[in-house]
Amino acid sequence: MKIKLVTIITESILEQMLVNDIKNLGAKGYTILEARGSGAHGNRSADWGQNQNIQIEIICNESTANAICEHCQKNYYPYYAMVIFTSDIQVLRSDKF
């Protein structure tokens, strides 16, 4: 089974909606980190709040990764600052994912 890491960097205001979506789309877990940097939408500081960025990492199987990516592209890309990337990874205890 292919294991994927899905990384979503987006506006922190989406956190609860994305957590619900990720679970409903089949992910068994996730990790959320604060994110800062600069890009097409300007500089983002590290202050935690509604106007800041978060990074969500999800380890899952390939079909769940595809479902998460497609859902986010359809429902969030047109309205929010968001970037998603995926990686093929190897995980110890991969049976958990």
C-alpha atoms as a PDB file:
ATOM      1  CA  MET A   1       0.000   0.000   0.000  1.00  0.00           C
ATOM      2  CA  LYS A   2       1.276   3.459  -0.898  1.00  0.00           C
ATOM      3  CA  ILE A   3       1.477   5.848   2.043  1.00  0.00           C
ATOM      4  CA  LYS A   4       1.151   9.569   1.366  1.00  0.00           C
ATOM      5  CA  LEU A   5       1.898  12.712   3.315  1.00  0.00           C
ATOM      6  CA  VAL A   6      -0.581  15.463   2.460  1.00  0.00           C
ATOM      7  CA  THR A   7       0.536  18.937   3.532  1.00  0.00           C
ATOM      8  CA  ILE A   8      -1.949  21.798   3.516  1.00  0.00           C
ATOM      9  CA  ILE A   9      -0.838  25.360   4.204  1.00  0.00           C
ATOM     10  CA  THR A  10      -3.746  27.733   4.587  1.00  0.00           C
ATOM     11  CA  GLU A  11      -5.515  30.369   6.636  1.00  0.00           C
ATOM     12  CA  SER A  12      -6.071  29.429  10.283  1.00  0.00           C
ATOM     13  CA  ILE A  13      -9.754  30.391  10.083  1.00  0.00           C
ATOM     14  CA  LEU A  14     -10.287  27.133   8.143  1.00  0.00           C
ATOM     15  CA  GLU A  15      -8.859  24.883  10.855  1.00  0.00           C
ATOM     16  CA  GLN A  16     -12.069  23.405  12.277  1.00  0.00           C
ATOM     17  CA  MET A  17     -13.729  23.003   8.873  1.00  0.00           C
ATOM     18  CA  LEU A  18     -10.654  21.242   7.487  1.00  0.00           C
ATOM     19  CA  VAL A  19     -10.354  18.968  10.515  1.00  0.00           C
ATOM     20  CA  ASN A  20     -13.978  17.884  10.016  1.00  0.00           C
ATOM     21  CA  ASP A  21     -13.419  17.388   6.273  1.00  0.00           C
ATOM     22  CA  ILE A  22     -10.210  15.405   6.770  1.00  0.00           C
ATOM     23  CA  LYS A  23     -11.887  13.031   9.215  1.00  0.00           C
ATOM     24  CA  ASN A  24     -14.990  12.647   7.026  1.00  0.00           C
ATOM     25  CA  LEU A  25     -12.804  11.856   4.016  1.00  0.00           C
ATOM     26  CA  GLY A  26     -11.175   8.923   5.817  1.00  0.00           C
ATOM     27  CA  ALA A  27      -7.990  10.193   7.480  1.00  0.00           C
ATOM     28  CA  LYS A  28      -7.268   8.607  10.846  1.00  0.00           C
ATOM     29  CA  GLY A  29      -5.314  11.571  12.182  1.00  0.00           C
ATOM     30  CA  TYR A  30      -3.500  14.810  11.456  1.00  0.00           C
ATOM     31  CA  THR A  31      -0.989  17.271  12.894  1.00  0.00           C
ATOM     32  CA  ILE A  32      -1.438  21.051  12.884  1.00  0.00           C
ATOM     33  CA  LEU A  33       1.426  23.536  13.127  1.00  0.00           C
ATOM     34  CA  GLU A  34       1.578  27.305  12.935  1.00  0.00           C
ATOM     35  CA  ALA A  35       3.125  28.528   9.692  1.00  0.00           C
ATOM     36  CA  ARG A  36       4.765  31.744   8.599  1.00  0.00           C
ATOM     37  CA  GLY A  37       6.462  32.909   5.450  1.00  0.00           C
ATOM     38  CA  SER A  38       5.966  34.919   2.315  1.00  0.00           C
ATOM     39  CA  GLY A  39       4.273  34.150  -0.964  1.00  0.00           C
ATOM     40  CA  ALA A  40       1.678  35.315  -3.436  1.00  0.00           C
ATOM     41  CA  HIS A  41      -0.556  36.545  -0.613  1.00  0.00           C
ATOM     42  CA  GLY A  42       2.206  38.541   1.108  1.00  0.00           C
ATOM     43  CA  ASN A  43       3.987  38.027   4.427  1.00  0.00           C
ATOM     44  CA  ARG A  44       2.393  35.989   7.198  1.00  0.00           C
ATOM     45  CA  SER A  45       3.686  36.428  10.754  1.00  0.00           C
ATOM     46  CA  ALA A  46       3.834  33.720  13.415  1.00  0.00           C
ATOM     47  CA  ASP A  47       1.243  35.361  15.677  1.00  0.00           C
ATOM     48  CA  TRP A  48      -1.550  32.868  16.338  1.00  0.00           C
ATOM     49  CA  GLY A  49      -4.973  34.148  15.323  1.00  0.00           C
ATOM     50  CA  GLN A  50      -7.613  34.147  12.618  1.00  0.00           C
ATOM     51  CA  ASN A  51      -5.402  36.005  10.149  1.00  0.00           C
ATOM     52  CA  GLN A  52      -2.479  33.633  10.423  1.00  0.00           C
ATOM     53  CA  ASN A  53      -1.496  30.480   8.554  1.00  0.00           C
ATOM     54  CA  ILE A  54      -1.480  26.870   9.645  1.00  0.00           C
ATOM     55  CA  GLN A  55       0.132  23.780   8.227  1.00  0.00           C
ATOM     56  CA  ILE A  56      -1.829  20.545   8.424  1.00  0.00           C
ATOM     57  CA  GLU A  57      -0.039  17.259   7.819  1.00  0.00           C
ATOM     58  CA  ILE A  58      -1.973  14.074   7.140  1.00  0.00           C
ATOM     59  CA  ILE A  59      -0.464  10.622   6.716  1.00  0.00           C
ATOM     60  CA  CYS A  60      -2.888   8.405   4.824  1.00  0.00           C
ATOM     61  CA  ASN A  61      -3.361   5.990   1.969  1.00  0.00           C
ATOM     62  CA  GLU A  62      -3.361   7.163  -1.629  1.00  0.00           C
ATOM     63  CA  SER A  63      -7.131   7.183  -2.130  1.00  0.00           C
ATOM     64  CA  THR A  64      -7.692   9.284   1.004  1.00  0.00           C
ATOM     65  CA  ALA A  65      -4.944  11.676  -0.085  1.00  0.00           C
ATOM     66  CA  ASN A  66      -6.605  12.089  -3.478  1.00  0.00           C
ATOM     67  CA  ALA A  67     -10.009  12.667  -1.875  1.00  0.00           C
ATOM     68  CA  ILE A  68      -8.595  15.355   0.457  1.00  0.00           C
ATOM     69  CA  CYS A  69      -6.805  17.145  -2.378  1.00  0.00           C
ATOM     70  CA  GLU A  70      -9.832  17.098  -4.687  1.00  0.00           C
ATOM     71  CA  HIS A  71     -12.163  18.287  -1.927  1.00  0.00           C
ATOM     72  CA  CYS A  72      -9.895  21.188  -0.973  1.00  0.00           C
ATOM     73  CA  GLN A  73      -9.342  22.250  -4.585  1.00  0.00           C
ATOM     74  CA  LYS A  74     -13.092  22.305  -5.221  1.00  0.00           C
ATOM     75  CA  ASN A  75     -14.280  23.877  -1.964  1.00  0.00           C
ATOM     76  CA  TYR A  76     -11.448  26.108  -0.747  1.00  0.00           C
ATOM     77  CA  TYR A  77      -9.052  27.078  -3.561  1.00  0.00           C
ATOM     78  CA  PRO A  78     -11.420  29.638  -5.131  1.00  0.00           C
ATOM     79  CA  TYR A  79     -11.974  31.458  -1.828  1.00  0.00           C
ATOM     80  CA  TYR A  80      -8.917  31.118   0.428  1.00  0.00           C
ATOM     81  CA  ALA A  81      -5.137  31.246   0.320  1.00  0.00           C
ATOM     82  CA  MET A  82      -4.173  27.562   0.248  1.00  0.00           C
ATOM     83  CA  VAL A  83      -1.426  25.363  -1.107  1.00  0.00           C
ATOM     84  CA  ILE A  84      -1.396  21.572  -0.967  1.00  0.00           C
ATOM     85  CA  PHE A  85       1.414  19.199  -1.764  1.00  0.00           C
ATOM     86  CA  THR A  86       1.797  15.448  -1.411  1.00  0.00           C
ATOM     87  CA  SER A  87       4.776  13.183  -0.928  1.00  0.00           C
ATOM     88  CA  ASP A  88       5.298   9.442  -1.101  1.00  0.00           C
ATOM     89  CA  ILE A  89       6.654   8.383   2.278  1.00  0.00           C
ATOM     90  CA  GLN A  90       7.706   5.321   4.237  1.00  0.00           C
ATOM     91  CA  VAL A  91       6.324   5.017   7.739  1.00  0.00           C
ATOM     92  CA  LEU A  92       7.238   2.675  10.546  1.00  0.00           C
ATOM     93  CA  ARG A  93       4.025   1.083  11.843  1.00  0.00           C
ATOM     94  CA  SER A  94       2.302   1.916   8.554  1.00  0.00           C
ATOM     95  CA  ASP A  95      -0.630  -0.297   9.606  1.00  0.00           C
ATOM     96  CA  LYS A  96      -1.840   2.698  11.667  1.00  0.00           C
ATOM     97  CA  PHE A  97      -2.592   4.627   8.463  1.00  0.00           C
END
